Amino acid sequence: MRKPLEVKIGSAVYKHINTVRMSEAERLVAVNAMQNADLVVDVFVWASKKIEQLATRLFLRPSLKH
């Protein structure tokens, strides 16, 4: 499970978490916090894209004149 997580979070951040002196439980908490933050960012990006798509459908309809 660590390889997909490393790719998703970014190897620099993941390496930094591994180099910091902490217990394994604290390390898991840090990794889980990174996963949660990434999930929140993904939700906001998805929502903004959906709002943008909806706005283009509602407000940029082609007119019959053209």
PDB file of N, CA and C in Angstrom:
ATOM      1  N   MET A   1       0.813  -1.188   0.000  1.00  0.00           N
ATOM      2  CA  MET A   1       0.000   0.000   0.000  1.00  0.00           C
ATOM      3  C   MET A   1       0.861   1.258   0.000  1.00  0.00           C
ATOM      4  N   ARG A   2       2.074   1.154   0.391  1.00  0.00           N
ATOM      5  CA  ARG A   2       2.891   2.362   0.508  1.00  0.00           C
ATOM      6  C   ARG A   2       3.278   2.955  -0.842  1.00  0.00           C
ATOM      7  N   LYS A   3       3.471   2.138  -1.861  1.00  0.00           N
ATOM      8  CA  LYS A   3       3.890   2.681  -3.162  1.00  0.00           C
ATOM      9  C   LYS A   3       2.824   3.585  -3.770  1.00  0.00           C
ATOM     10  N   PRO A   4       1.552   3.166  -3.878  1.00  0.00           N
ATOM     11  CA  PRO A   4       0.546   4.094  -4.430  1.00  0.00           C
ATOM     12  C   PRO A   4       0.405   5.343  -3.569  1.00  0.00           C
ATOM     13  N   LEU A   5       0.532   5.190  -2.257  1.00  0.00           N
ATOM     14  CA  LEU A   5       0.440   6.343  -1.374  1.00  0.00           C
ATOM     15  C   LEU A   5       1.591   7.302  -1.625  1.00  0.00           C
ATOM     16  N   GLU A   6       2.782   6.770  -1.822  1.00  0.00           N
ATOM     17  CA  GLU A   6       3.953   7.603  -2.077  1.00  0.00           C
ATOM     18  C   GLU A   6       3.784   8.387  -3.373  1.00  0.00           C
ATOM     19  N   VAL A   7       3.250   7.754  -4.397  1.00  0.00           N
ATOM     20  CA  VAL A   7       3.052   8.425  -5.676  1.00  0.00           C
ATOM     21  C   VAL A   7       1.978   9.494  -5.542  1.00  0.00           C
ATOM     22  N   LYS A   8       0.912   9.194  -4.818  1.00  0.00           N
ATOM     23  CA  LYS A   8      -0.195  10.135  -4.691  1.00  0.00           C
ATOM     24  C   LYS A   8       0.203  11.353  -3.871  1.00  0.00           C
ATOM     25  N   ILE A   9       0.825  11.156  -2.751  1.00  0.00           N
ATOM     26  CA  ILE A   9       1.197  12.280  -1.891  1.00  0.00           C
ATOM     27  C   ILE A   9       2.365  13.048  -2.473  1.00  0.00           C
ATOM     28  N   GLY A  10       3.313  12.365  -3.012  1.00  0.00           N
ATOM     29  CA  GLY A  10       4.526  12.999  -3.504  1.00  0.00           C
ATOM     30  C   GLY A  10       5.697  12.448  -2.720  1.00  0.00           C
ATOM     31  N   SER A  11       6.708  12.077  -3.421  1.00  0.00           N
ATOM     32  CA  SER A  11       7.809  11.388  -2.761  1.00  0.00           C
ATOM     33  C   SER A  11       8.554  12.284  -1.780  1.00  0.00           C
ATOM     34  N   ALA A  12       8.613  13.585  -2.016  1.00  0.00           N
ATOM     35  CA  ALA A  12       9.350  14.473  -1.105  1.00  0.00           C
ATOM     36  C   ALA A  12       8.676  14.536   0.264  1.00  0.00           C
ATOM     37  N   VAL A  13       7.369  14.670   0.282  1.00  0.00           N
ATOM     38  CA  VAL A  13       6.649  14.736   1.553  1.00  0.00           C
ATOM     39  C   VAL A  13       6.717  13.390   2.260  1.00  0.00           C
ATOM     40  N   TYR A  14       6.541  12.334   1.506  1.00  0.00           N
ATOM     41  CA  TYR A  14       6.586  11.000   2.085  1.00  0.00           C
ATOM     42  C   TYR A  14       7.963  10.703   2.670  1.00  0.00           C
ATOM     43  N   LYS A  15       9.012  11.091   1.973  1.00  0.00           N
ATOM     44  CA  LYS A  15      10.370  10.900   2.496  1.00  0.00           C
ATOM     45  C   LYS A  15      10.587  11.719   3.755  1.00  0.00           C
ATOM     46  N   HIS A  16      10.033  12.919   3.781  1.00  0.00           N
ATOM     47  CA  HIS A  16      10.182  13.766   4.970  1.00  0.00           C
ATOM     48  C   HIS A  16       9.484  13.137   6.173  1.00  0.00           C
ATOM     49  N   ILE A  17       8.317  12.564   5.971  1.00  0.00           N
ATOM     50  CA  ILE A  17       7.620  11.889   7.069  1.00  0.00           C
ATOM     51  C   ILE A  17       8.449  10.714   7.561  1.00  0.00           C
ATOM     52  N   ASN A  18       9.098   9.992   6.652  1.00  0.00           N
ATOM     53  CA  ASN A  18       9.904   8.844   7.064  1.00  0.00           C
ATOM     54  C   ASN A  18      11.197   9.248   7.764  1.00  0.00           C
ATOM     55  N   THR A  19      11.744  10.435   7.465  1.00  0.00           N
ATOM     56  CA  THR A  19      13.007  10.830   8.085  1.00  0.00           C
ATOM     57  C   THR A  19      12.827  11.470   9.453  1.00  0.00           C
ATOM     58  N   VAL A  20      11.643  11.965   9.743  1.00  0.00           N
ATOM     59  CA  VAL A  20      11.399  12.594  11.042  1.00  0.00           C
ATOM     60  C   VAL A  20      11.367  11.514  12.119  1.00  0.00           C
ATOM     61  N   ARG A  21      11.959  11.845  13.262  1.00  0.00           N
ATOM     62  CA  ARG A  21      11.973  10.906  14.376  1.00  0.00           C
ATOM     63  C   ARG A  21      10.625  10.908  15.064  1.00  0.00           C
ATOM     64  N   MET A  22       9.901   9.799  14.942  1.00  0.00           N
ATOM     65  CA  MET A  22       8.607   9.645  15.598  1.00  0.00           C
ATOM     66  C   MET A  22       8.284   8.165  15.680  1.00  0.00           C
ATOM     67  N   SER A  23       7.312   7.863  16.516  1.00  0.00           N
ATOM     68  CA  SER A  23       6.908   6.464  16.647  1.00  0.00           C
ATOM     69  C   SER A  23       6.104   6.045  15.420  1.00  0.00           C
ATOM     70  N   GLU A  24       5.923   4.757  15.294  1.00  0.00           N
ATOM     71  CA  GLU A  24       5.168   4.246  14.143  1.00  0.00           C
ATOM     72  C   GLU A  24       3.710   4.703  14.203  1.00  0.00           C
ATOM     73  N   ALA A  25       3.169   4.801  15.403  1.00  0.00           N
ATOM     74  CA  ALA A  25       1.784   5.288  15.545  1.00  0.00           C
ATOM     75  C   ALA A  25       1.672   6.740  15.084  1.00  0.00           C
ATOM     76  N   GLU A  26       2.624   7.571  15.468  1.00  0.00           N
ATOM     77  CA  GLU A  26       2.617   8.971  15.028  1.00  0.00           C
ATOM     78  C   GLU A  26       2.797   9.070  13.515  1.00  0.00           C
ATOM     79  N   ARG A  27       3.631   8.191  12.965  1.00  0.00           N
ATOM     80  CA  ARG A  27       3.852   8.170  11.519  1.00  0.00           C
ATOM     81  C   ARG A  27       2.556   7.815  10.788  1.00  0.00           C
ATOM     82  N   LEU A  28       1.826   6.853  11.320  1.00  0.00           N
ATOM     83  CA  LEU A  28       0.544   6.485  10.719  1.00  0.00           C
ATOM     84  C   LEU A  28      -0.456   7.629  10.802  1.00  0.00           C
ATOM     85  N   VAL A  29      -0.447   8.343  11.914  1.00  0.00           N
ATOM     86  CA  VAL A  29      -1.334   9.504  12.055  1.00  0.00           C
ATOM     87  C   VAL A  29      -0.976  10.569  11.024  1.00  0.00           C
ATOM     88  N   ALA A  30       0.304  10.795  10.821  1.00  0.00           N
ATOM     89  CA  ALA A  30       0.738  11.786   9.834  1.00  0.00           C
ATOM     90  C   ALA A  30       0.343  11.378   8.419  1.00  0.00           C
ATOM     91  N   VAL A  31       0.522  10.117   8.096  1.00  0.00           N
ATOM     92  CA  VAL A  31       0.161   9.633   6.762  1.00  0.00           C
ATOM     93  C   VAL A  31      -1.352   9.700   6.571  1.00  0.00           C
ATOM     94  N   ASN A  32      -2.112   9.344   7.594  1.00  0.00           N
ATOM     95  CA  ASN A  32      -3.567   9.434   7.500  1.00  0.00           C
ATOM     96  C   ASN A  32      -4.025  10.882   7.335  1.00  0.00           C
ATOM     97  N   ALA A  33      -3.365  11.797   8.015  1.00  0.00           N
ATOM     98  CA  ALA A  33      -3.700  13.210   7.859  1.00  0.00           C
ATOM     99  C   ALA A  33      -3.419  13.680   6.439  1.00  0.00           C
ATOM    100  N   MET A  34      -2.320  13.201   5.858  1.00  0.00           N
ATOM    101  CA  MET A  34      -2.012  13.547   4.468  1.00  0.00           C
ATOM    102  C   MET A  34      -3.056  12.970   3.515  1.00  0.00           C
ATOM    103  N   GLN A  35      -3.496  11.758   3.774  1.00  0.00           N
ATOM    104  CA  GLN A  35      -4.534  11.154   2.943  1.00  0.00           C
ATOM    105  C   GLN A  35      -5.837  11.946   3.040  1.00  0.00           C
ATOM    106  N   ASN A  36      -6.209  12.331   4.256  1.00  0.00           N
ATOM    107  CA  ASN A  36      -7.438  13.101   4.445  1.00  0.00           C
ATOM    108  C   ASN A  36      -7.354  14.452   3.760  1.00  0.00           C
ATOM    109  N   ALA A  37      -6.222  15.112   3.864  1.00  0.00           N
ATOM    110  CA  ALA A  37      -6.048  16.409   3.206  1.00  0.00           C
ATOM    111  C   ALA A  37      -6.121  16.248   1.695  1.00  0.00           C
ATOM    112  N   ASP A  38      -5.526  15.192   1.175  1.00  0.00           N
ATOM    113  CA  ASP A  38      -5.569  14.946  -0.262  1.00  0.00           C
ATOM    114  C   ASP A  38      -6.993  14.666  -0.722  1.00  0.00           C
ATOM    115  N   LEU A  39      -7.758  13.944   0.085  1.00  0.00           N
ATOM    116  CA  LEU A  39      -9.146  13.663  -0.249  1.00  0.00           C
ATOM    117  C   LEU A  39      -9.970  14.949  -0.276  1.00  0.00           C
ATOM    118  N   VAL A  40      -9.760  15.831   0.683  1.00  0.00           N
ATOM    119  CA  VAL A  40     -10.488  17.101   0.722  1.00  0.00           C
ATOM    120  C   VAL A  40     -10.160  17.940  -0.506  1.00  0.00           C
ATOM    121  N   VAL A  41      -8.897  17.991  -0.870  1.00  0.00           N
ATOM    122  CA  VAL A  41      -8.494  18.751  -2.065  1.00  0.00           C
ATOM    123  C   VAL A  41      -9.124  18.152  -3.316  1.00  0.00           C
ATOM    124  N   ASP A  42      -9.135  16.827  -3.417  1.00  0.00           N
ATOM    125  CA  ASP A  42      -9.755  16.176  -4.568  1.00  0.00           C
ATOM    126  C   ASP A  42     -11.242  16.506  -4.654  1.00  0.00           C
ATOM    127  N   VAL A  43     -11.928  16.548  -3.527  1.00  0.00           N
ATOM    128  CA  VAL A  43     -13.357  16.882  -3.518  1.00  0.00           C
ATOM    129  C   VAL A  43     -13.572  18.317  -3.983  1.00  0.00           C
ATOM    130  N   PHE A  44     -12.767  19.245  -3.503  1.00  0.00           N
ATOM    131  CA  PHE A  44     -12.918  20.642  -3.928  1.00  0.00           C
ATOM    132  C   PHE A  44     -12.626  20.818  -5.414  1.00  0.00           C
ATOM    133  N   VAL A  45     -11.615  20.138  -5.916  1.00  0.00           N
ATOM    134  CA  VAL A  45     -11.293  20.237  -7.338  1.00  0.00           C
ATOM    135  C   VAL A  45     -12.425  19.642  -8.169  1.00  0.00           C
ATOM    136  N   TRP A  46     -12.948  18.488  -7.753  1.00  0.00           N
ATOM    137  CA  TRP A  46     -14.049  17.865  -8.468  1.00  0.00           C
ATOM    138  C   TRP A  46     -15.274  18.776  -8.468  1.00  0.00           C
ATOM    139  N   ALA A  47     -15.601  19.347  -7.303  1.00  0.00           N
ATOM    140  CA  ALA A  47     -16.773  20.222  -7.207  1.00  0.00           C
ATOM    141  C   ALA A  47     -16.602  21.468  -8.066  1.00  0.00           C
ATOM    142  N   SER A  48     -15.425  22.053  -8.074  1.00  0.00           N
ATOM    143  CA  SER A  48     -15.224  23.256  -8.883  1.00  0.00           C
ATOM    144  C   SER A  48     -15.333  22.947 -10.370  1.00  0.00           C
ATOM    145  N   LYS A  49     -14.849  21.777 -10.789  1.00  0.00           N
ATOM    146  CA  LYS A  49     -14.983  21.397 -12.200  1.00  0.00           C
ATOM    147  C   LYS A  49     -16.446  21.156 -12.566  1.00  0.00           C
ATOM    148  N   LYS A  50     -17.198  20.541 -11.670  1.00  0.00           N
ATOM    149  CA  LYS A  50     -18.609  20.298 -11.932  1.00  0.00           C
ATOM    150  C   LYS A  50     -19.388  21.613 -11.987  1.00  0.00           C
ATOM    151  N   ILE A  51     -19.077  22.545 -11.115  1.00  0.00           N
ATOM    152  CA  ILE A  51     -19.732  23.853 -11.145  1.00  0.00           C
ATOM    153  C   ILE A  51     -19.396  24.573 -12.436  1.00  0.00           C
ATOM    154  N   GLU A  52     -18.157  24.477 -12.869  1.00  0.00           N
ATOM    155  CA  GLU A  52     -17.745  25.104 -14.123  1.00  0.00           C
ATOM    156  C   GLU A  52     -18.479  24.483 -15.309  1.00  0.00           C
ATOM    157  N   GLN A  53     -18.613  23.162 -15.311  1.00  0.00           N
ATOM    158  CA  GLN A  53     -19.343  22.492 -16.386  1.00  0.00           C
ATOM    159  C   GLN A  53     -20.810  22.903 -16.387  1.00  0.00           C
ATOM    160  N   LEU A  54     -21.400  22.987 -15.220  1.00  0.00           N
ATOM    161  CA  LEU A  54     -22.794  23.391 -15.107  1.00  0.00           C
ATOM    162  C   LEU A  54     -22.990  24.820 -15.584  1.00  0.00           C
ATOM    163  N   ALA A  55     -22.075  25.697 -15.234  1.00  0.00           N
ATOM    164  CA  ALA A  55     -22.175  27.095 -15.642  1.00  0.00           C
ATOM    165  C   ALA A  55     -22.070  27.228 -17.159  1.00  0.00           C
ATOM    166  N   THR A  56     -21.196  26.457 -17.778  1.00  0.00           N
ATOM    167  CA  THR A  56     -21.075  26.552 -19.232  1.00  0.00           C
ATOM    168  C   THR A  56     -22.326  26.022 -19.913  1.00  0.00           C
ATOM    169  N   ARG A  57     -22.964  25.020 -19.345  1.00  0.00           N
ATOM    170  CA  ARG A  57     -24.204  24.498 -19.928  1.00  0.00           C
ATOM    171  C   ARG A  57     -25.357  25.481 -19.761  1.00  0.00           C
ATOM    172  N   LEU A  58     -25.390  26.180 -18.645  1.00  0.00           N
ATOM    173  CA  LEU A  58     -26.507  27.078 -18.380  1.00  0.00           C
ATOM    174  C   LEU A  58     -26.371  28.429 -19.064  1.00  0.00           C
ATOM    175  N   PHE A  59     -25.173  28.974 -19.093  1.00  0.00           N
ATOM    176  CA  PHE A  59     -25.007  30.365 -19.506  1.00  0.00           C
ATOM    177  C   PHE A  59     -24.389  30.555 -20.882  1.00  0.00           C
ATOM    178  N   LEU A  60     -23.813  29.546 -21.455  1.00  0.00           N
ATOM    179  CA  LEU A  60     -23.170  29.705 -22.751  1.00  0.00           C
ATOM    180  C   LEU A  60     -23.859  28.851 -23.810  1.00  0.00           C
ATOM    181  N   ARG A  61     -25.147  28.942 -23.851  1.00  0.00           N
ATOM    182  CA  ARG A  61     -25.894  28.207 -24.860  1.00  0.00           C
ATOM    183  C   ARG A  61     -25.766  28.912 -26.208  1.00  0.00           C
ATOM    184  N   PRO A  62     -25.608  28.172 -27.264  1.00  0.00           N
ATOM    185  CA  PRO A  62     -25.525  28.811 -28.571  1.00  0.00           C
ATOM    186  C   PRO A  62     -26.876  29.421 -28.958  1.00  0.00           C
ATOM    187  N   SER A  63     -26.826  30.591 -29.526  1.00  0.00           N
ATOM    188  CA  SER A  63     -28.071  31.241 -29.917  1.00  0.00           C
ATOM    189  C   SER A  63     -28.504  30.758 -31.288  1.00  0.00           C
ATOM    190  N   LEU A  64     -29.757  30.987 -31.625  1.00  0.00           N
ATOM    191  CA  LEU A  64     -30.279  30.559 -32.911  1.00  0.00           C
ATOM    192  C   LEU A  64     -29.847  31.471 -34.047  1.00  0.00           C
ATOM    193  N   LYS A  65     -29.358  32.669 -33.745  1.00  0.00           N
ATOM    194  CA  LYS A  65     -28.962  33.624 -34.766  1.00  0.00           C
ATOM    195  C   LYS A  65     -27.709  33.181 -35.510  1.00  0.00           C
ATOM    196  N   HIS A  66     -26.840  32.460 -34.864  1.00  0.00           N
ATOM    197  CA  HIS A  66     -25.549  32.123 -35.458  1.00  0.00           C
ATOM    198  C   HIS A  66     -25.652  30.848 -36.126  1.00  0.00           C
TER     199      HIS A  66
END
